Amino acid sequence: MKETLLFEIDNAVAIITINDAPYNRMSLEFMDVLEETVDKIKIDDSIRAVVLTAAGLDNFSVGMNLKQFSEGIEQKGSSDALFDQRLKVIDEIETMQKPWIATMFGFCLGGGLEVPLGCHFRFAAEEGAQIGLPELDLGAVPAWGGSARLAKCVGENHAMDMILRSKKISGKRALEIGLVHEIWPLEQLKSAALSLAHELAGQPALAVKSMMKVLVNSSERTLEELLKEERQAVRDNNGTRDSQEGMLAFLEKRKPRFNK
């Protein structure tokens, strides 16, 4: 039986690949393995960044395999339990304090947008991407946190326009409204995401973790709360090996060697 998820480690970077080309559906089996994989990454200190991508160059993901919906409810016990698993996985991606980078190309629909919305960086293809939450076309609504995270990411107006009109937008439009961070030619997209992951993995791990604790979901906290978090980050990083190495490298006019 073909593996639905491929996992590899490149130095300190984990690479997760949805393995169901050309549509790369997020099947029941895939979500179970993704849940297990996310749990492992969360506690593995040797992994400092993650790339989420998909097999081939046709589509990132069309989302859930709708033919499995009834089977999923039977397996999990209820539709709430089925959706709760997906919400848990995306929340753990978002809050584990390790940067995730998603590559978005071809169809990125339903869960194929909702999972990347939990990632911290999103790179899209310059051409050919169709990104959206078109559930209303099926008489349904986003169920994996998509409406909430999309509104937080691009604002109420853009989210309303995309969701209520089941609109699919291009990579260039996604960049314009702040849904993605960068756009790349399709043939360079995956390598660009991997390059960023290596860059982030090379930063001092504790400092990255501390800043992600401050920045992730910062809009939900007051300025006073954020300032307290920042001060704690200062305390946590003061006098660490990496902070000493950074200062020494600056004085010696060389590139720092962190995480040694």
Protein backbone atom coordinates (compact mmCIF):
# COMPACT_ATOMS: atom_id res chain seq x y z
CA MET A 1 0.00 0.00 0.00
CA LYS A 2 1.39 3.39 -1.00
CA GLU A 3 2.40 5.66 1.83
CA THR A 4 0.11 8.70 2.05
CA LEU A 5 2.76 10.82 3.76
CA LEU A 6 6.49 10.89 3.10
CA PHE A 7 8.82 12.08 5.84
CA GLU A 8 12.51 12.88 5.63
CA ILE A 9 15.03 14.94 7.56
CA ASP A 10 17.60 17.15 5.86
CA ASN A 11 20.00 18.23 8.60
CA ALA A 12 17.73 20.04 11.08
CA VAL A 13 14.82 20.39 8.63
CA ALA A 14 11.90 17.96 8.43
CA ILE A 15 10.20 17.61 5.05
CA ILE A 16 6.62 16.35 4.97
CA THR A 17 5.20 15.42 1.56
CA ILE A 18 1.54 14.67 0.82
CA ASN A 19 1.91 11.60 -1.39
CA ASP A 20 -1.25 11.30 -3.46
CA ALA A 21 -0.40 12.99 -6.76
CA PRO A 22 -1.86 14.53 -8.80
CA TYR A 23 -4.58 15.76 -6.40
CA ASN A 24 -2.82 15.06 -3.07
CA ARG A 25 -6.02 14.51 -1.12
CA MET A 26 -5.80 14.65 2.66
CA SER A 27 -7.23 11.21 3.28
CA LEU A 28 -8.17 9.71 6.63
CA GLU A 29 -4.94 7.74 6.57
CA PHE A 30 -2.91 10.86 5.79
CA MET A 31 -4.40 12.83 8.67
CA ASP A 32 -3.72 10.01 11.14
CA VAL A 33 -0.08 9.83 10.04
CA LEU A 34 0.23 13.62 10.00
CA GLU A 35 -1.07 13.74 13.58
CA GLU A 36 1.56 11.21 14.67
CA THR A 37 4.29 13.03 12.73
CA VAL A 38 3.43 16.42 14.21
CA ASP A 39 3.56 14.93 17.72
CA LYS A 40 7.04 13.51 17.02
CA ILE A 41 8.38 16.75 15.53
CA LYS A 42 7.09 18.70 18.50
CA ILE A 43 9.30 16.83 20.97
CA ASP A 44 12.35 16.29 18.73
CA ASP A 45 14.82 19.09 19.50
CA SER A 46 17.02 18.09 16.57
CA ILE A 47 14.29 19.30 14.18
CA ARG A 48 14.24 23.10 14.05
CA ALA A 49 12.11 23.83 10.96
CA VAL A 50 9.58 22.01 8.78
CA VAL A 51 8.64 22.15 5.09
CA LEU A 52 5.14 21.00 4.17
CA THR A 53 4.86 20.16 0.49
CA ALA A 54 3.21 17.69 -1.89
CA ALA A 55 4.20 15.15 -4.51
CA GLY A 56 4.52 16.28 -8.11
CA LEU A 57 3.99 19.75 -9.49
CA ASP A 58 0.26 19.61 -10.31
CA ASN A 59 -1.49 20.41 -7.03
CA PHE A 60 -0.60 20.99 -3.40
CA SER A 61 -3.90 19.55 -2.19
CA VAL A 62 -7.61 19.55 -2.98
CA GLY A 63 -8.26 18.96 0.71
CA MET A 64 -10.23 16.18 2.31
CA ASN A 65 -11.18 13.09 0.35
CA LEU A 66 -14.93 13.71 0.51
CA LYS A 67 -15.69 10.11 -0.44
CA GLN A 68 -14.31 9.13 2.98
CA PHE A 69 -16.48 11.51 4.99
CA SER A 70 -18.97 8.90 6.20
CA GLU A 71 -16.15 6.44 6.91
CA GLY A 72 -14.35 9.12 8.92
CA ILE A 73 -17.40 9.80 11.08
CA GLU A 74 -17.74 6.08 11.72
CA GLN A 75 -14.06 5.77 12.63
CA LYS A 76 -13.93 8.78 14.96
CA GLY A 77 -17.44 8.41 16.40
CA SER A 78 -18.92 11.72 15.23
CA SER A 79 -18.38 14.53 12.76
CA ASP A 80 -17.23 16.73 15.66
CA ALA A 81 -14.53 14.20 16.57
CA LEU A 82 -13.44 14.00 12.93
CA PHE A 83 -13.09 17.77 12.64
CA ASP A 84 -11.54 18.08 16.11
CA GLN A 85 -8.64 15.90 15.01
CA ARG A 86 -7.90 18.29 12.16
CA LEU A 87 -8.24 21.34 14.40
CA LYS A 88 -5.83 19.75 16.90
CA VAL A 89 -3.22 18.99 14.25
CA ILE A 90 -3.33 22.50 12.78
CA ASP A 91 -3.22 24.08 16.23
CA GLU A 92 -0.16 22.03 17.17
CA ILE A 93 1.58 23.05 13.94
CA GLU A 94 0.82 26.69 14.69
CA THR A 95 1.85 26.66 18.36
CA MET A 96 4.78 24.22 18.57
CA GLN A 97 7.27 27.12 18.33
CA LYS A 98 9.10 25.68 15.33
CA PRO A 99 8.66 27.44 11.97
CA TRP A 100 6.69 25.62 9.28
CA ILE A 101 6.83 26.60 5.60
CA ALA A 102 4.09 25.49 3.18
CA THR A 103 4.45 25.32 -0.59
CA MET A 104 1.26 26.23 -2.45
CA PHE A 105 0.77 25.34 -6.11
CA GLY A 106 -2.06 24.19 -8.33
CA PHE A 107 -5.21 23.54 -6.32
CA CYS A 108 -4.91 24.59 -2.67
CA LEU A 109 -8.52 24.12 -1.66
CA GLY A 110 -10.41 23.43 1.56
CA GLY A 111 -7.99 21.60 3.84
CA GLY A 112 -5.36 22.38 1.21
CA LEU A 113 -5.53 25.98 2.42
CA GLU A 114 -6.58 25.37 6.02
CA VAL A 115 -3.46 23.39 6.93
CA PRO A 116 -1.09 25.97 5.36
CA LEU A 117 -2.94 28.68 7.32
CA GLY A 118 -1.55 27.03 10.45
CA CYS A 119 1.97 27.32 9.02
CA HIS A 120 4.15 30.35 9.69
CA PHE A 121 5.36 30.95 6.14
CA ARG A 122 3.50 30.29 2.91
CA PHE A 123 5.21 30.33 -0.49
CA ALA A 124 3.05 30.15 -3.63
CA ALA A 125 3.70 29.48 -7.28
CA GLU A 126 3.73 32.60 -9.49
CA GLU A 127 1.49 30.90 -12.01
CA GLY A 128 -1.16 28.20 -11.83
CA ALA A 129 -2.09 28.34 -8.15
CA GLN A 130 -5.81 28.29 -7.29
CA ILE A 131 -6.17 29.03 -3.60
CA GLY A 132 -9.48 29.09 -1.78
CA LEU A 133 -12.13 27.77 0.57
CA PRO A 134 -14.91 26.83 -1.88
CA GLU A 135 -17.01 24.80 0.57
CA LEU A 136 -20.12 26.92 -0.06
CA ASP A 137 -20.22 25.52 -3.59
CA LEU A 138 -20.94 22.16 -1.91
CA GLY A 139 -23.56 23.60 0.43
CA ALA A 140 -21.08 23.35 3.30
CA VAL A 141 -18.70 25.62 5.22
CA PRO A 142 -15.00 25.42 6.19
CA ALA A 143 -14.61 23.07 9.15
CA TRP A 144 -10.89 22.96 9.87
CA GLY A 145 -10.58 26.50 11.21
CA GLY A 146 -10.26 28.02 7.76
CA SER A 147 -12.75 30.87 8.11
CA ALA A 148 -11.25 31.99 11.43
CA ARG A 149 -7.61 31.80 10.35
CA LEU A 150 -8.22 33.32 6.93
CA ALA A 151 -9.96 36.33 8.47
CA LYS A 152 -7.09 36.75 10.94
CA CYS A 153 -4.56 36.48 8.13
CA VAL A 154 -6.02 38.72 5.40
CA GLY A 155 -8.77 40.65 7.21
CA GLU A 156 -12.53 40.34 7.25
CA ASN A 157 -13.15 41.91 3.84
CA HIS A 158 -10.84 39.65 1.85
CA ALA A 159 -11.95 36.57 3.80
CA MET A 160 -15.61 37.42 3.19
CA ASP A 161 -14.96 37.87 -0.52
CA MET A 162 -13.12 34.56 -0.84
CA ILE A 163 -15.42 32.41 1.29
CA LEU A 164 -18.90 33.69 0.44
CA ARG A 165 -18.10 33.74 -3.28
CA SER A 166 -16.12 30.48 -3.20
CA LYS A 167 -13.39 32.44 -4.92
CA LYS A 168 -10.11 30.82 -5.94
CA ILE A 169 -7.25 33.30 -6.11
CA SER A 170 -3.84 33.18 -7.78
CA GLY A 171 -0.47 33.21 -6.08
CA LYS A 172 0.05 36.81 -7.14
CA ARG A 173 -3.29 37.87 -5.66
CA ALA A 174 -2.54 35.90 -2.50
CA LEU A 175 0.70 37.87 -2.17
CA GLU A 176 -1.15 41.17 -2.67
CA ILE A 177 -3.59 40.50 0.18
CA GLY A 178 -1.00 39.05 2.54
CA LEU A 179 -2.08 35.41 2.37
CA VAL A 180 1.37 34.26 1.22
CA HIS A 181 4.80 35.66 1.98
CA GLU A 182 6.54 35.09 -1.34
CA ILE A 183 5.82 33.83 -4.85
CA TRP A 184 8.23 31.79 -6.94
CA PRO A 185 8.33 30.14 -10.37
CA LEU A 186 6.83 26.68 -9.90
CA GLU A 187 10.07 24.86 -10.65
CA GLN A 188 11.85 26.86 -7.91
CA LEU A 189 9.09 26.82 -5.30
CA LYS A 190 10.07 23.75 -3.30
CA SER A 191 13.77 24.58 -3.28
CA ALA A 192 12.97 28.13 -2.12
CA ALA A 193 10.92 26.78 0.78
CA LEU A 194 13.69 24.36 1.73
CA SER A 195 16.24 27.17 1.57
CA LEU A 196 14.17 29.28 3.98
CA ALA A 197 13.76 26.29 6.29
CA HIS A 198 17.53 25.82 6.44
CA GLU A 199 17.97 29.54 7.09
CA LEU A 200 15.52 29.41 9.99
CA ALA A 201 16.98 26.18 11.34
CA GLY A 202 20.35 27.92 11.43
CA GLN A 203 19.10 30.63 13.73
CA PRO A 204 19.59 30.18 17.51
CA ALA A 205 16.91 27.63 18.44
CA LEU A 206 15.99 29.04 21.84
CA ALA A 207 15.71 32.57 20.43
CA VAL A 208 13.45 31.34 17.63
CA LYS A 209 11.29 29.48 20.14
CA SER A 210 11.11 32.54 22.42
CA MET A 211 10.12 34.89 19.60
CA MET A 212 7.51 32.51 18.21
CA LYS A 213 5.99 32.35 21.68
CA VAL A 214 5.64 36.13 21.54
CA LEU A 215 4.56 36.48 17.91
CA VAL A 216 2.19 33.57 17.22
CA ASN A 217 -1.38 34.71 17.89
CA SER A 218 -0.03 38.03 19.19
CA SER A 219 -3.18 39.78 17.94
CA GLU A 220 -5.16 37.98 20.64
CA ARG A 221 -3.10 39.48 23.50
CA THR A 222 -2.67 42.96 24.89
CA LEU A 223 0.47 45.02 24.44
CA GLU A 224 1.19 44.63 28.15
CA GLU A 225 0.99 40.84 27.88
CA LEU A 226 3.28 40.84 24.85
CA LEU A 227 5.83 43.06 26.56
CA LYS A 228 5.92 40.62 29.49
CA GLU A 229 6.46 37.74 27.07
CA GLU A 230 9.25 39.66 25.35
CA ARG A 231 10.96 40.41 28.66
CA GLN A 232 10.79 36.73 29.57
CA ALA A 233 12.36 35.93 26.20
CA VAL A 234 15.20 38.32 27.03
CA ARG A 235 15.77 36.56 30.37
CA ASP A 236 15.62 33.11 28.78
CA ASN A 237 18.21 34.01 26.14
CA ASN A 238 20.55 36.08 28.29
CA GLY A 239 23.91 34.38 28.73
CA THR A 240 23.15 31.33 26.60
CA ARG A 241 25.85 29.73 24.49
CA ASP A 242 24.21 31.09 21.35
CA SER A 243 23.99 34.63 22.72
CA GLN A 244 27.68 34.49 23.60
CA GLU A 245 28.53 33.08 20.18
CA GLY A 246 26.51 35.80 18.45
CA MET A 247 28.35 38.59 20.26
CA LEU A 248 31.75 36.96 19.72
CA ALA A 249 31.04 36.50 16.00
CA PHE A 250 30.02 40.16 15.75
CA LEU A 251 33.27 41.29 17.41
CA GLU A 252 35.33 38.94 15.24
CA LYS A 253 33.46 40.01 12.09
CA ARG A 254 32.43 36.49 11.11
CA LYS A 255 29.23 34.53 10.66
CA PRO A 256 27.95 33.04 13.95
CA ARG A 257 27.78 29.27 14.40
CA PHE A 258 24.63 28.62 16.42
CA ASN A 259 23.15 25.43 17.87
CA LYS A 260 26.51 23.74 18.45
